[in-house]
Amino acid sequence: MMKDFIKQILVISFSFIFLCFKAQHTEQNVNSWIVFVNPSDFSNSFKTELSKQLKESLFSLINLDKNSENPVTLAIGLEKTEYKLLNGGLSINATIITKEDGSSYPVTINWKSDSFSDVKRIQKSDISGKQVIFNWGDDFPKKELIEIITREKIYEVTNGLHYIINPMYYPDLSIILKTEKELSLPEAKIIENIFKVRKDVYVSELSDNFIMLDFQIDSLNFTDNIYNKNMLYLKECIDKISKLDFAGKIKSIEIK
């Protein structure tokens, strides 16, 4: 258990970044599914067009309807970015992180354009009104992503409320509520307060059926007992929610 915990801290410390984007619960910003670790390397118009074309291609490759929620975050610059010439264009390394289970896959993306004489300057240039073609590399994990997004979720049930606890980002967790009817502000506050019973856990506001928890733990003195106590706390919170007068509005709760 301890070995797995330490591995989680080291391997997915970055993965929680995309939850911050999810906390916004909006894709009004076309770039919201991509994390640019070194944003100064790319012009705004380049980032926007890259995001647009790669998302369209992503949805086509894994057979998603265009109105579906984007199931991944693309991280550019998580590892040192290496630029390589490829078929008259440029290719760089990046990382795909799935929102469902936090799996990460190294991937390459590439672009080319006849509008520029120096292909190495495309990403730093204003490409507005110019044709730049973006593509995923041959290492795109199509099979793996399709398997993840089509995997059936196994819910537990308490007092008629369906829930899943899959704490893959522990000690940072997201709580996602699926509702039959919109919760009122007082109802949302009641749910927030259920989680706020623990003073050593940061609890965000419930916004768009999303809450973020941050367990304030001492990693040097972390034990299985502490982990088990925190999992019990989550189940107790779900049990309290299931007994609320308005619990019928909530279809399911997912904690991950």
C-alpha atoms as a PDB file:
ATOM      1  CA  MET A   1       0.000   0.000   0.000  1.00  0.00           C
ATOM      2  CA  MET A   2       2.746   2.432   0.974  1.00  0.00           C
ATOM      3  CA  LYS A   3       4.747   1.589  -2.149  1.00  0.00           C
ATOM      4  CA  ASP A   4       1.711   2.245  -4.326  1.00  0.00           C
ATOM      5  CA  PHE A   5       1.051   5.535  -2.546  1.00  0.00           C
ATOM      6  CA  ILE A   6       4.590   6.821  -3.046  1.00  0.00           C
ATOM      7  CA  LYS A   7       4.477   5.785  -6.686  1.00  0.00           C
ATOM      8  CA  GLN A   8       1.228   7.724  -7.113  1.00  0.00           C
ATOM      9  CA  ILE A   9       2.749  10.864  -5.645  1.00  0.00           C
ATOM     10  CA  LEU A  10       5.728  10.700  -7.990  1.00  0.00           C
ATOM     11  CA  VAL A  11       4.021   9.558 -11.179  1.00  0.00           C
ATOM     12  CA  ILE A  12       0.796  11.566 -11.224  1.00  0.00           C
ATOM     13  CA  SER A  13       1.718  14.714  -9.326  1.00  0.00           C
ATOM     14  CA  PHE A  14       1.164  16.573 -12.574  1.00  0.00           C
ATOM     15  CA  SER A  15      -2.076  14.792 -13.457  1.00  0.00           C
ATOM     16  CA  PHE A  16      -4.075  16.834 -10.955  1.00  0.00           C
ATOM     17  CA  ILE A  17      -3.491  19.903 -13.137  1.00  0.00           C
ATOM     18  CA  PHE A  18      -6.250  18.840 -15.477  1.00  0.00           C
ATOM     19  CA  LEU A  19      -8.684  18.628 -12.590  1.00  0.00           C
ATOM     20  CA  CYS A  20      -8.225  22.360 -12.171  1.00  0.00           C
ATOM     21  CA  PHE A  21      -9.431  22.727 -15.722  1.00  0.00           C
ATOM     22  CA  LYS A  22     -12.301  20.363 -15.005  1.00  0.00           C
ATOM     23  CA  ALA A  23     -13.210  22.399 -11.950  1.00  0.00           C
ATOM     24  CA  GLN A  24     -14.066  25.197 -14.342  1.00  0.00           C
ATOM     25  CA  HIS A  25     -16.432  22.706 -15.994  1.00  0.00           C
ATOM     26  CA  THR A  26     -16.406  24.607 -19.253  1.00  0.00           C
ATOM     27  CA  GLU A  27     -14.803  24.369 -22.649  1.00  0.00           C
ATOM     28  CA  GLN A  28     -15.586  27.895 -23.726  1.00  0.00           C
ATOM     29  CA  ASN A  29     -11.840  28.330 -24.041  1.00  0.00           C
ATOM     30  CA  VAL A  30     -10.862  26.189 -27.017  1.00  0.00           C
ATOM     31  CA  ASN A  31      -7.471  25.494 -25.414  1.00  0.00           C
ATOM     32  CA  SER A  32      -8.935  24.253 -22.113  1.00  0.00           C
ATOM     33  CA  TRP A  33      -8.091  20.584 -22.730  1.00  0.00           C
ATOM     34  CA  ILE A  34      -4.390  21.278 -23.345  1.00  0.00           C
ATOM     35  CA  VAL A  35      -1.786  22.185 -20.722  1.00  0.00           C
ATOM     36  CA  PHE A  36       1.152  24.127 -22.173  1.00  0.00           C
ATOM     37  CA  VAL A  37       3.931  23.870 -19.598  1.00  0.00           C
ATOM     38  CA  ASN A  38       6.034  26.380 -21.547  1.00  0.00           C
ATOM     39  CA  PRO A  39       3.349  28.525 -23.213  1.00  0.00           C
ATOM     40  CA  SER A  40       5.833  31.131 -24.460  1.00  0.00           C
ATOM     41  CA  ASP A  41       7.102  28.577 -26.979  1.00  0.00           C
ATOM     42  CA  PHE A  42       3.879  28.925 -28.970  1.00  0.00           C
ATOM     43  CA  SER A  43       1.875  31.849 -30.323  1.00  0.00           C
ATOM     44  CA  ASN A  44      -1.767  32.176 -29.266  1.00  0.00           C
ATOM     45  CA  SER A  45      -3.061  31.595 -32.787  1.00  0.00           C
ATOM     46  CA  PHE A  46      -0.879  28.486 -33.086  1.00  0.00           C
ATOM     47  CA  LYS A  47      -2.180  27.077 -29.779  1.00  0.00           C
ATOM     48  CA  THR A  48      -5.782  27.736 -30.781  1.00  0.00           C
ATOM     49  CA  GLU A  49      -5.489  26.055 -34.180  1.00  0.00           C
ATOM     50  CA  LEU A  50      -3.499  23.128 -32.764  1.00  0.00           C
ATOM     51  CA  SER A  51      -6.170  22.613 -30.109  1.00  0.00           C
ATOM     52  CA  LYS A  52      -9.027  22.806 -32.611  1.00  0.00           C
ATOM     53  CA  GLN A  53      -7.579  20.414 -35.182  1.00  0.00           C
ATOM     54  CA  LEU A  54      -6.210  17.853 -32.721  1.00  0.00           C
ATOM     55  CA  LYS A  55      -9.495  17.732 -30.798  1.00  0.00           C
ATOM     56  CA  GLU A  56     -11.463  17.150 -34.004  1.00  0.00           C
ATOM     57  CA  SER A  57      -9.035  14.413 -34.992  1.00  0.00           C
ATOM     58  CA  LEU A  58      -9.112  12.881 -31.494  1.00  0.00           C
ATOM     59  CA  PHE A  59     -12.901  12.619 -31.484  1.00  0.00           C
ATOM     60  CA  SER A  60     -12.879  11.102 -34.975  1.00  0.00           C
ATOM     61  CA  LEU A  61     -10.216   8.517 -34.110  1.00  0.00           C
ATOM     62  CA  ILE A  62     -11.985   7.254 -30.978  1.00  0.00           C
ATOM     63  CA  ASN A  63     -15.497   7.570 -32.413  1.00  0.00           C
ATOM     64  CA  LEU A  64     -16.856  10.250 -30.081  1.00  0.00           C
ATOM     65  CA  ASP A  65     -19.733  12.570 -30.894  1.00  0.00           C
ATOM     66  CA  LYS A  66     -18.554  16.178 -31.187  1.00  0.00           C
ATOM     67  CA  ASN A  67     -20.781  17.185 -28.252  1.00  0.00           C
ATOM     68  CA  SER A  68     -19.256  14.589 -25.908  1.00  0.00           C
ATOM     69  CA  GLU A  69     -17.016  15.578 -23.004  1.00  0.00           C
ATOM     70  CA  ASN A  70     -13.356  15.466 -23.955  1.00  0.00           C
ATOM     71  CA  PRO A  71     -11.953  12.356 -22.185  1.00  0.00           C
ATOM     72  CA  VAL A  72      -8.298  13.425 -22.121  1.00  0.00           C
ATOM     73  CA  THR A  73      -5.880  16.213 -21.315  1.00  0.00           C
ATOM     74  CA  LEU A  74      -2.916  16.818 -23.610  1.00  0.00           C
ATOM     75  CA  ALA A  75       0.231  18.020 -21.840  1.00  0.00           C
ATOM     76  CA  ILE A  76       2.891  19.717 -23.951  1.00  0.00           C
ATOM     77  CA  GLY A  77       6.195  20.360 -22.220  1.00  0.00           C
ATOM     78  CA  LEU A  78       5.696  17.938 -19.325  1.00  0.00           C
ATOM     79  CA  GLU A  79       8.834  16.243 -20.587  1.00  0.00           C
ATOM     80  CA  LYS A  80      11.560  18.274 -22.322  1.00  0.00           C
ATOM     81  CA  THR A  81      10.145  19.180 -25.727  1.00  0.00           C
ATOM     82  CA  GLU A  82      12.155  17.773 -28.592  1.00  0.00           C
ATOM     83  CA  TYR A  83      11.569  19.202 -32.065  1.00  0.00           C
ATOM     84  CA  LYS A  84      12.225  16.880 -35.015  1.00  0.00           C
ATOM     85  CA  LEU A  85      11.916  17.454 -38.736  1.00  0.00           C
ATOM     86  CA  LEU A  86       9.314  15.107 -40.240  1.00  0.00           C
ATOM     87  CA  ASN A  87       8.030  14.957 -43.819  1.00  0.00           C
ATOM     88  CA  GLY A  88       8.602  18.642 -44.420  1.00  0.00           C
ATOM     89  CA  GLY A  89       7.138  19.643 -41.081  1.00  0.00           C
ATOM     90  CA  LEU A  90       7.916  19.456 -37.376  1.00  0.00           C
ATOM     91  CA  SER A  91       7.120  16.816 -34.764  1.00  0.00           C
ATOM     92  CA  ILE A  92       7.205  17.131 -30.967  1.00  0.00           C
ATOM     93  CA  ASN A  93       6.676  14.804 -28.037  1.00  0.00           C
ATOM     94  CA  ALA A  94       3.714  15.258 -25.692  1.00  0.00           C
ATOM     95  CA  THR A  95       1.667  13.314 -23.131  1.00  0.00           C
ATOM     96  CA  ILE A  96      -1.988  12.257 -23.186  1.00  0.00           C
ATOM     97  CA  ILE A  97      -3.599  11.865 -19.739  1.00  0.00           C
ATOM     98  CA  THR A  98      -7.033  10.244 -19.479  1.00  0.00           C
ATOM     99  CA  LYS A  99      -9.589  11.890 -17.213  1.00  0.00           C
ATOM    100  CA  GLU A 100     -11.235   8.569 -16.410  1.00  0.00           C
ATOM    101  CA  ASP A 101      -8.365   6.792 -14.685  1.00  0.00           C
ATOM    102  CA  GLY A 102      -5.307   9.036 -14.948  1.00  0.00           C
ATOM    103  CA  SER A 103      -3.486   6.785 -17.412  1.00  0.00           C
ATOM    104  CA  SER A 104      -0.759   8.584 -19.344  1.00  0.00           C
ATOM    105  CA  TYR A 105       0.621   7.855 -22.794  1.00  0.00           C
ATOM    106  CA  PRO A 106       3.607   9.391 -24.594  1.00  0.00           C
ATOM    107  CA  VAL A 107       2.508  10.642 -27.988  1.00  0.00           C
ATOM    108  CA  THR A 108       3.861  12.738 -30.831  1.00  0.00           C
ATOM    109  CA  ILE A 109       2.073  15.549 -32.640  1.00  0.00           C
ATOM    110  CA  ASN A 110       3.187  17.151 -35.867  1.00  0.00           C
ATOM    111  CA  TRP A 111       2.399  20.060 -38.132  1.00  0.00           C
ATOM    112  CA  LYS A 112       3.374  21.375 -41.549  1.00  0.00           C
ATOM    113  CA  SER A 113       2.523  24.345 -43.750  1.00  0.00           C
ATOM    114  CA  ASP A 114       3.301  25.672 -47.217  1.00  0.00           C
ATOM    115  CA  SER A 115       2.741  29.205 -45.913  1.00  0.00           C
ATOM    116  CA  PHE A 116       6.133  29.365 -44.180  1.00  0.00           C
ATOM    117  CA  SER A 117       9.603  29.110 -45.705  1.00  0.00           C
ATOM    118  CA  ASP A 118      11.128  28.196 -42.325  1.00  0.00           C
ATOM    119  CA  VAL A 119       9.181  25.345 -40.734  1.00  0.00           C
ATOM    120  CA  LYS A 120      11.015  25.906 -37.444  1.00  0.00           C
ATOM    121  CA  ARG A 121       9.320  29.292 -37.001  1.00  0.00           C
ATOM    122  CA  ILE A 122       5.712  28.179 -37.469  1.00  0.00           C
ATOM    123  CA  GLN A 123       4.903  27.579 -33.794  1.00  0.00           C
ATOM    124  CA  LYS A 124       6.170  31.012 -32.760  1.00  0.00           C
ATOM    125  CA  SER A 125       4.399  32.874 -35.574  1.00  0.00           C
ATOM    126  CA  ASP A 126       0.937  34.352 -35.976  1.00  0.00           C
ATOM    127  CA  ILE A 127      -0.739  31.739 -38.176  1.00  0.00           C
ATOM    128  CA  SER A 128      -4.042  33.619 -38.513  1.00  0.00           C
ATOM    129  CA  GLY A 129      -5.250  33.293 -42.092  1.00  0.00           C
ATOM    130  CA  LYS A 130      -2.532  30.756 -42.931  1.00  0.00           C
ATOM    131  CA  GLN A 131      -2.966  27.055 -43.512  1.00  0.00           C
ATOM    132  CA  VAL A 132      -1.201  24.868 -40.966  1.00  0.00           C
ATOM    133  CA  ILE A 133      -2.093  21.178 -40.801  1.00  0.00           C
ATOM    134  CA  PHE A 134      -1.846  19.398 -37.433  1.00  0.00           C
ATOM    135  CA  ASN A 135      -1.871  15.631 -36.936  1.00  0.00           C
ATOM    136  CA  TRP A 136      -1.339  12.976 -34.289  1.00  0.00           C
ATOM    137  CA  GLY A 137       1.703  10.745 -34.732  1.00  0.00           C
ATOM    138  CA  ASP A 138       1.601   7.027 -35.476  1.00  0.00           C
ATOM    139  CA  ASP A 139       1.965   6.361 -31.732  1.00  0.00           C
ATOM    140  CA  PHE A 140      -1.511   7.737 -30.952  1.00  0.00           C
ATOM    141  CA  PRO A 141      -2.989   5.263 -28.380  1.00  0.00           C
ATOM    142  CA  LYS A 142      -6.285   4.692 -30.188  1.00  0.00           C
ATOM    143  CA  LYS A 143      -6.967   1.167 -28.911  1.00  0.00           C
ATOM    144  CA  GLU A 144      -6.151   2.057 -25.309  1.00  0.00           C
ATOM    145  CA  LEU A 145      -8.318   5.199 -25.270  1.00  0.00           C
ATOM    146  CA  ILE A 146     -11.315   3.425 -26.786  1.00  0.00           C
ATOM    147  CA  GLU A 147     -11.000   0.674 -24.169  1.00  0.00           C
ATOM    148  CA  ILE A 148     -10.918   3.216 -21.333  1.00  0.00           C
ATOM    149  CA  ILE A 149     -13.862   5.346 -22.467  1.00  0.00           C
ATOM    150  CA  THR A 150     -16.073   2.303 -23.145  1.00  0.00           C
ATOM    151  CA  ARG A 151     -15.237   0.509 -19.884  1.00  0.00           C
ATOM    152  CA  GLU A 152     -18.330  -0.134 -17.787  1.00  0.00           C
ATOM    153  CA  LYS A 153     -18.341   1.556 -14.385  1.00  0.00           C
ATOM    154  CA  ILE A 154     -19.190  -0.595 -11.378  1.00  0.00           C
ATOM    155  CA  TYR A 155     -21.223   1.381  -8.840  1.00  0.00           C
ATOM    156  CA  GLU A 156     -21.826   0.674  -5.171  1.00  0.00           C
ATOM    157  CA  VAL A 157     -25.186   1.642  -3.677  1.00  0.00           C
ATOM    158  CA  THR A 158     -26.163   3.109  -0.318  1.00  0.00           C
ATOM    159  CA  ASN A 159     -29.782   4.023   0.434  1.00  0.00           C
ATOM    160  CA  GLY A 160     -30.487   4.031  -3.301  1.00  0.00           C
ATOM    161  CA  LEU A 161     -27.607   6.395  -4.146  1.00  0.00           C
ATOM    162  CA  HIS A 162     -25.081   5.029  -6.653  1.00  0.00           C
ATOM    163  CA  TYR A 163     -21.438   5.946  -6.085  1.00  0.00           C
ATOM    164  CA  ILE A 164     -17.880   5.102  -7.074  1.00  0.00           C
ATOM    165  CA  ILE A 165     -14.757   5.814  -5.031  1.00  0.00           C
ATOM    166  CA  ASN A 166     -11.645   5.472  -7.162  1.00  0.00           C
ATOM    167  CA  PRO A 167      -9.080   7.662  -5.352  1.00  0.00           C
ATOM    168  CA  MET A 168      -6.434   7.694  -8.085  1.00  0.00           C
ATOM    169  CA  TYR A 169      -5.418  11.322  -7.371  1.00  0.00           C
ATOM    170  CA  TYR A 170      -5.290  10.981  -3.600  1.00  0.00           C
ATOM    171  CA  PRO A 171      -4.524  13.113  -1.599  1.00  0.00           C
ATOM    172  CA  ASP A 172      -6.221  15.442  -4.121  1.00  0.00           C
ATOM    173  CA  LEU A 173      -9.651  14.225  -5.136  1.00  0.00           C
ATOM    174  CA  SER A 174     -12.501  15.397  -7.314  1.00  0.00           C
ATOM    175  CA  ILE A 175     -16.138  14.705  -6.534  1.00  0.00           C
ATOM    176  CA  ILE A 176     -18.502  14.699  -9.489  1.00  0.00           C
ATOM    177  CA  LEU A 177     -22.254  14.653  -8.958  1.00  0.00           C
ATOM    178  CA  LYS A 178     -24.664  13.622 -11.690  1.00  0.00           C
ATOM    179  CA  THR A 179     -28.086  15.023 -10.937  1.00  0.00           C
ATOM    180  CA  GLU A 180     -31.619  14.446 -12.157  1.00  0.00           C
ATOM    181  CA  LYS A 181     -32.559  18.007 -11.154  1.00  0.00           C
ATOM    182  CA  GLU A 182     -30.421  21.072 -10.505  1.00  0.00           C
ATOM    183  CA  LEU A 183     -29.418  21.558  -6.890  1.00  0.00           C
ATOM    184  CA  SER A 184     -30.367  24.821  -5.234  1.00  0.00           C
ATOM    185  CA  LEU A 185     -27.675  26.969  -3.619  1.00  0.00           C
ATOM    186  CA  PRO A 186     -28.769  25.990  -0.063  1.00  0.00           C
ATOM    187  CA  GLU A 187     -28.695  22.306  -1.082  1.00  0.00           C
ATOM    188  CA  ALA A 188     -25.207  22.699  -2.518  1.00  0.00           C
ATOM    189  CA  LYS A 189     -24.045  24.304   0.743  1.00  0.00           C
ATOM    190  CA  ILE A 190     -25.453  21.398   2.739  1.00  0.00           C
ATOM    191  CA  ILE A 191     -23.373  18.956   0.691  1.00  0.00           C
ATOM    192  CA  GLU A 192     -20.275  21.129   1.056  1.00  0.00           C
ATOM    193  CA  ASN A 193     -20.728  21.195   4.826  1.00  0.00           C
ATOM    194  CA  ILE A 194     -20.963  17.400   4.980  1.00  0.00           C
ATOM    195  CA  PHE A 195     -17.444  17.168   3.579  1.00  0.00           C
ATOM    196  CA  LYS A 196     -16.201  20.090   5.693  1.00  0.00           C
ATOM    197  CA  VAL A 197     -16.650  18.125   8.916  1.00  0.00           C
ATOM    198  CA  ARG A 198     -12.959  17.270   8.622  1.00  0.00           C
ATOM    199  CA  LYS A 199     -10.769  20.291   9.406  1.00  0.00           C
ATOM    200  CA  ASP A 200      -7.707  18.674   7.834  1.00  0.00           C
ATOM    201  CA  VAL A 201      -9.368  18.465   4.418  1.00  0.00           C
ATOM    202  CA  TYR A 202      -9.648  21.462   2.114  1.00  0.00           C
ATOM    203  CA  VAL A 203     -13.086  21.486   0.472  1.00  0.00           C
ATOM    204  CA  SER A 204     -13.847  23.743  -2.471  1.00  0.00           C
ATOM    205  CA  GLU A 205     -17.258  25.202  -3.217  1.00  0.00           C
ATOM    206  CA  LEU A 206     -19.677  22.943  -5.038  1.00  0.00           C
ATOM    207  CA  SER A 207     -19.841  24.460  -8.524  1.00  0.00           C
ATOM    208  CA  ASP A 208     -21.499  22.865 -11.553  1.00  0.00           C
ATOM    209  CA  ASN A 209     -21.853  19.640  -9.537  1.00  0.00           C
ATOM    210  CA  PHE A 210     -18.098  19.501  -8.899  1.00  0.00           C
ATOM    211  CA  ILE A 211     -16.171  19.652  -5.608  1.00  0.00           C
ATOM    212  CA  MET A 212     -12.431  19.407  -5.053  1.00  0.00           C
ATOM    213  CA  LEU A 213     -10.928  17.863  -1.905  1.00  0.00           C
ATOM    214  CA  ASP A 214      -7.343  18.276  -0.744  1.00  0.00           C
ATOM    215  CA  PHE A 215      -6.258  16.050   2.141  1.00  0.00           C
ATOM    216  CA  GLN A 216      -3.593  17.780   4.219  1.00  0.00           C
ATOM    217  CA  ILE A 217      -1.314  14.817   4.858  1.00  0.00           C
ATOM    218  CA  ASP A 218       2.258  14.405   6.036  1.00  0.00           C
ATOM    219  CA  SER A 219       3.754  12.119   3.384  1.00  0.00           C
ATOM    220  CA  LEU A 220       6.720  11.272   5.621  1.00  0.00           C
ATOM    221  CA  ASN A 221       4.449   9.906   8.343  1.00  0.00           C
ATOM    222  CA  PHE A 222       1.761   8.484   6.094  1.00  0.00           C
ATOM    223  CA  THR A 223       0.402   5.039   7.020  1.00  0.00           C
ATOM    224  CA  ASP A 224      -2.201   2.589   5.767  1.00  0.00           C
ATOM    225  CA  ASN A 225      -4.344   3.477   8.793  1.00  0.00           C
ATOM    226  CA  ILE A 226      -4.479   7.128   7.726  1.00  0.00           C
ATOM    227  CA  TYR A 227      -5.471   6.124   4.190  1.00  0.00           C
ATOM    228  CA  ASN A 228      -8.167   3.735   5.423  1.00  0.00           C
ATOM    229  CA  LYS A 229      -9.506   6.404   7.796  1.00  0.00           C
ATOM    230  CA  ASN A 230      -9.815   8.843   4.892  1.00  0.00           C
ATOM    231  CA  MET A 231     -11.607   6.299   2.705  1.00  0.00           C
ATOM    232  CA  LEU A 232     -14.037   5.643   5.565  1.00  0.00           C
ATOM    233  CA  TYR A 233     -14.635   9.398   5.838  1.00  0.00           C
ATOM    234  CA  LEU A 234     -15.578   9.514   2.142  1.00  0.00           C
ATOM    235  CA  LYS A 235     -18.048   6.648   2.539  1.00  0.00           C
ATOM    236  CA  GLU A 236     -19.564   8.305   5.613  1.00  0.00           C
ATOM    237  CA  CYS A 237     -20.047  11.530   3.634  1.00  0.00           C
ATOM    238  CA  ILE A 238     -21.773   9.656   0.817  1.00  0.00           C
ATOM    239  CA  ASP A 239     -24.000   7.874   3.331  1.00  0.00           C
ATOM    240  CA  LYS A 240     -25.039  11.231   4.854  1.00  0.00           C
ATOM    241  CA  ILE A 241     -25.798  12.638   1.397  1.00  0.00           C
ATOM    242  CA  SER A 242     -27.909   9.584   0.570  1.00  0.00           C
ATOM    243  CA  LYS A 243     -30.145  10.348   3.567  1.00  0.00           C
ATOM    244  CA  LEU A 244     -30.811  14.002   2.675  1.00  0.00           C
ATOM    245  CA  ASP A 245     -34.362  15.059   1.832  1.00  0.00           C
ATOM    246  CA  PHE A 246     -33.241  16.061  -1.668  1.00  0.00           C
ATOM    247  CA  ALA A 247     -31.053  12.972  -2.282  1.00  0.00           C
ATOM    248  CA  GLY A 248     -33.487  11.929  -5.022  1.00  0.00           C
ATOM    249  CA  LYS A 249     -32.109  14.743  -7.175  1.00  0.00           C
ATOM    250  CA  ILE A 250     -28.709  13.038  -7.249  1.00  0.00           C
ATOM    251  CA  LYS A 251     -28.324  10.231  -9.776  1.00  0.00           C
ATOM    252  CA  SER A 252     -24.765   9.220  -8.821  1.00  0.00           C
ATOM    253  CA  ILE A 253     -21.536  10.407  -7.188  1.00  0.00           C
ATOM    254  CA  GLU A 254     -18.054   9.665  -8.491  1.00  0.00           C
ATOM    255  CA  ILE A 255     -14.935  10.341  -6.431  1.00  0.00           C
ATOM    256  CA  LYS A 256     -11.563  10.078  -8.136  1.00  0.00           C
END
